[in-house]
Amino acid sequence: MITFKIEVEQEEDGRWLAEVLELPGVLAYGQSQQAAVSKVQALALRVVAERLEHGETGPQLSISFAAA
């Protein structure tokens, strides 16, 4: 099982930034903390799906998310 840690912080302009620490470059902004987390989870799943399509991960995959 893979657990991705999501780091969340609020920017000075009020937007929220969420980042998946185990997937460099996977980050998303949102107007609320939950919006940023939802967007970054969806993006992380797209990145993992693309890696699966290109054979970059193993055949057995179980994913969960945890707040950092």
C-alpha atoms as a PDB file:
ATOM      1  CA  MET A   1       0.000   0.000   0.000  1.00  0.00           C
ATOM      2  CA  ILE A   2       1.214   3.493  -0.855  1.00  0.00           C
ATOM      3  CA  THR A   3       0.236   6.415   1.362  1.00  0.00           C
ATOM      4  CA  PHE A   4       0.843   9.855  -0.045  1.00  0.00           C
ATOM      5  CA  LYS A   5       1.417  12.663   2.442  1.00  0.00           C
ATOM      6  CA  ILE A   6      -0.208  15.970   1.568  1.00  0.00           C
ATOM      7  CA  GLU A   7       1.335  19.146   2.917  1.00  0.00           C
ATOM      8  CA  VAL A   8      -1.029  22.131   3.042  1.00  0.00           C
ATOM      9  CA  GLU A   9      -0.264  25.780   3.668  1.00  0.00           C
ATOM     10  CA  GLN A  10      -2.052  29.073   3.206  1.00  0.00           C
ATOM     11  CA  GLU A  11      -0.423  31.683   0.995  1.00  0.00           C
ATOM     12  CA  GLU A  12      -0.297  35.385   1.903  1.00  0.00           C
ATOM     13  CA  ASP A  13      -2.996  36.123  -0.701  1.00  0.00           C
ATOM     14  CA  GLY A  14      -5.396  33.719   1.063  1.00  0.00           C
ATOM     15  CA  ARG A  15      -5.170  30.831  -1.398  1.00  0.00           C
ATOM     16  CA  TRP A  16      -4.341  27.363  -0.135  1.00  0.00           C
ATOM     17  CA  LEU A  17      -1.518  25.282  -1.587  1.00  0.00           C
ATOM     18  CA  ALA A  18      -1.492  21.486  -1.290  1.00  0.00           C
ATOM     19  CA  GLU A  19       1.467  19.336  -2.318  1.00  0.00           C
ATOM     20  CA  VAL A  20       1.984  15.563  -2.478  1.00  0.00           C
ATOM     21  CA  LEU A  21       5.425  15.136  -0.961  1.00  0.00           C
ATOM     22  CA  GLU A  22       6.187  11.767  -2.588  1.00  0.00           C
ATOM     23  CA  LEU A  23       5.408  13.059  -6.100  1.00  0.00           C
ATOM     24  CA  PRO A  24       7.665  16.027  -6.886  1.00  0.00           C
ATOM     25  CA  GLY A  25       5.849  18.766  -8.765  1.00  0.00           C
ATOM     26  CA  VAL A  26       2.379  17.548  -7.825  1.00  0.00           C
ATOM     27  CA  LEU A  27       0.783  20.590  -6.217  1.00  0.00           C
ATOM     28  CA  ALA A  28      -2.460  22.507  -6.543  1.00  0.00           C
ATOM     29  CA  TYR A  29      -4.029  25.733  -5.354  1.00  0.00           C
ATOM     30  CA  GLY A  30      -7.558  26.181  -4.051  1.00  0.00           C
ATOM     31  CA  GLN A  31      -9.720  28.903  -2.541  1.00  0.00           C
ATOM     32  CA  SER A  32     -10.155  26.688   0.548  1.00  0.00           C
ATOM     33  CA  GLN A  33      -8.004  24.062   2.200  1.00  0.00           C
ATOM     34  CA  GLN A  34     -10.406  21.299   1.154  1.00  0.00           C
ATOM     35  CA  ALA A  35     -10.477  22.539  -2.457  1.00  0.00           C
ATOM     36  CA  ALA A  36      -6.683  22.458  -2.655  1.00  0.00           C
ATOM     37  CA  VAL A  37      -6.558  18.966  -1.127  1.00  0.00           C
ATOM     38  CA  SER A  38      -9.230  17.650  -3.512  1.00  0.00           C
ATOM     39  CA  LYS A  39      -7.412  19.090  -6.527  1.00  0.00           C
ATOM     40  CA  VAL A  40      -4.019  17.700  -5.510  1.00  0.00           C
ATOM     41  CA  GLN A  41      -5.494  14.247  -4.839  1.00  0.00           C
ATOM     42  CA  ALA A  42      -7.022  14.186  -8.322  1.00  0.00           C
ATOM     43  CA  LEU A  43      -3.739  15.334  -9.854  1.00  0.00           C
ATOM     44  CA  ALA A  44      -1.788  12.680  -7.941  1.00  0.00           C
ATOM     45  CA  LEU A  45      -4.121   9.986  -9.231  1.00  0.00           C
ATOM     46  CA  ARG A  46      -3.606  11.230 -12.800  1.00  0.00           C
ATOM     47  CA  VAL A  47       0.172  11.092 -12.348  1.00  0.00           C
ATOM     48  CA  VAL A  48      -0.007   7.562 -10.914  1.00  0.00           C
ATOM     49  CA  ALA A  49      -2.334   6.471 -13.744  1.00  0.00           C
ATOM     50  CA  GLU A  50       0.100   7.813 -16.316  1.00  0.00           C
ATOM     51  CA  ARG A  51       2.958   5.965 -14.633  1.00  0.00           C
ATOM     52  CA  LEU A  52       0.895   2.760 -14.686  1.00  0.00           C
ATOM     53  CA  GLU A  53       0.210   3.218 -18.401  1.00  0.00           C
ATOM     54  CA  HIS A  54       3.936   3.537 -19.041  1.00  0.00           C
ATOM     55  CA  GLY A  55       4.858   0.553 -16.841  1.00  0.00           C
ATOM     56  CA  GLU A  56       6.600   2.687 -14.229  1.00  0.00           C
ATOM     57  CA  THR A  57       4.868   1.069 -11.218  1.00  0.00           C
ATOM     58  CA  GLY A  58       4.199  -2.484 -10.112  1.00  0.00           C
ATOM     59  CA  PRO A  59       1.020  -4.380 -11.057  1.00  0.00           C
ATOM     60  CA  GLN A  60      -0.432  -4.323  -7.505  1.00  0.00           C
ATOM     61  CA  LEU A  61      -1.276  -0.838  -6.295  1.00  0.00           C
ATOM     62  CA  SER A  62      -3.297   0.370  -3.308  1.00  0.00           C
ATOM     63  CA  ILE A  63      -3.407   4.110  -2.636  1.00  0.00           C
ATOM     64  CA  SER A  64      -4.431   6.204   0.371  1.00  0.00           C
ATOM     65  CA  PHE A  65      -3.878   9.842   1.362  1.00  0.00           C
ATOM     66  CA  ALA A  66      -2.858  11.209   4.787  1.00  0.00           C
ATOM     67  CA  ALA A  67      -2.542  14.790   5.958  1.00  0.00           C
ATOM     68  CA  ALA A  68       1.047  15.795   6.717  1.00  0.00           C
END
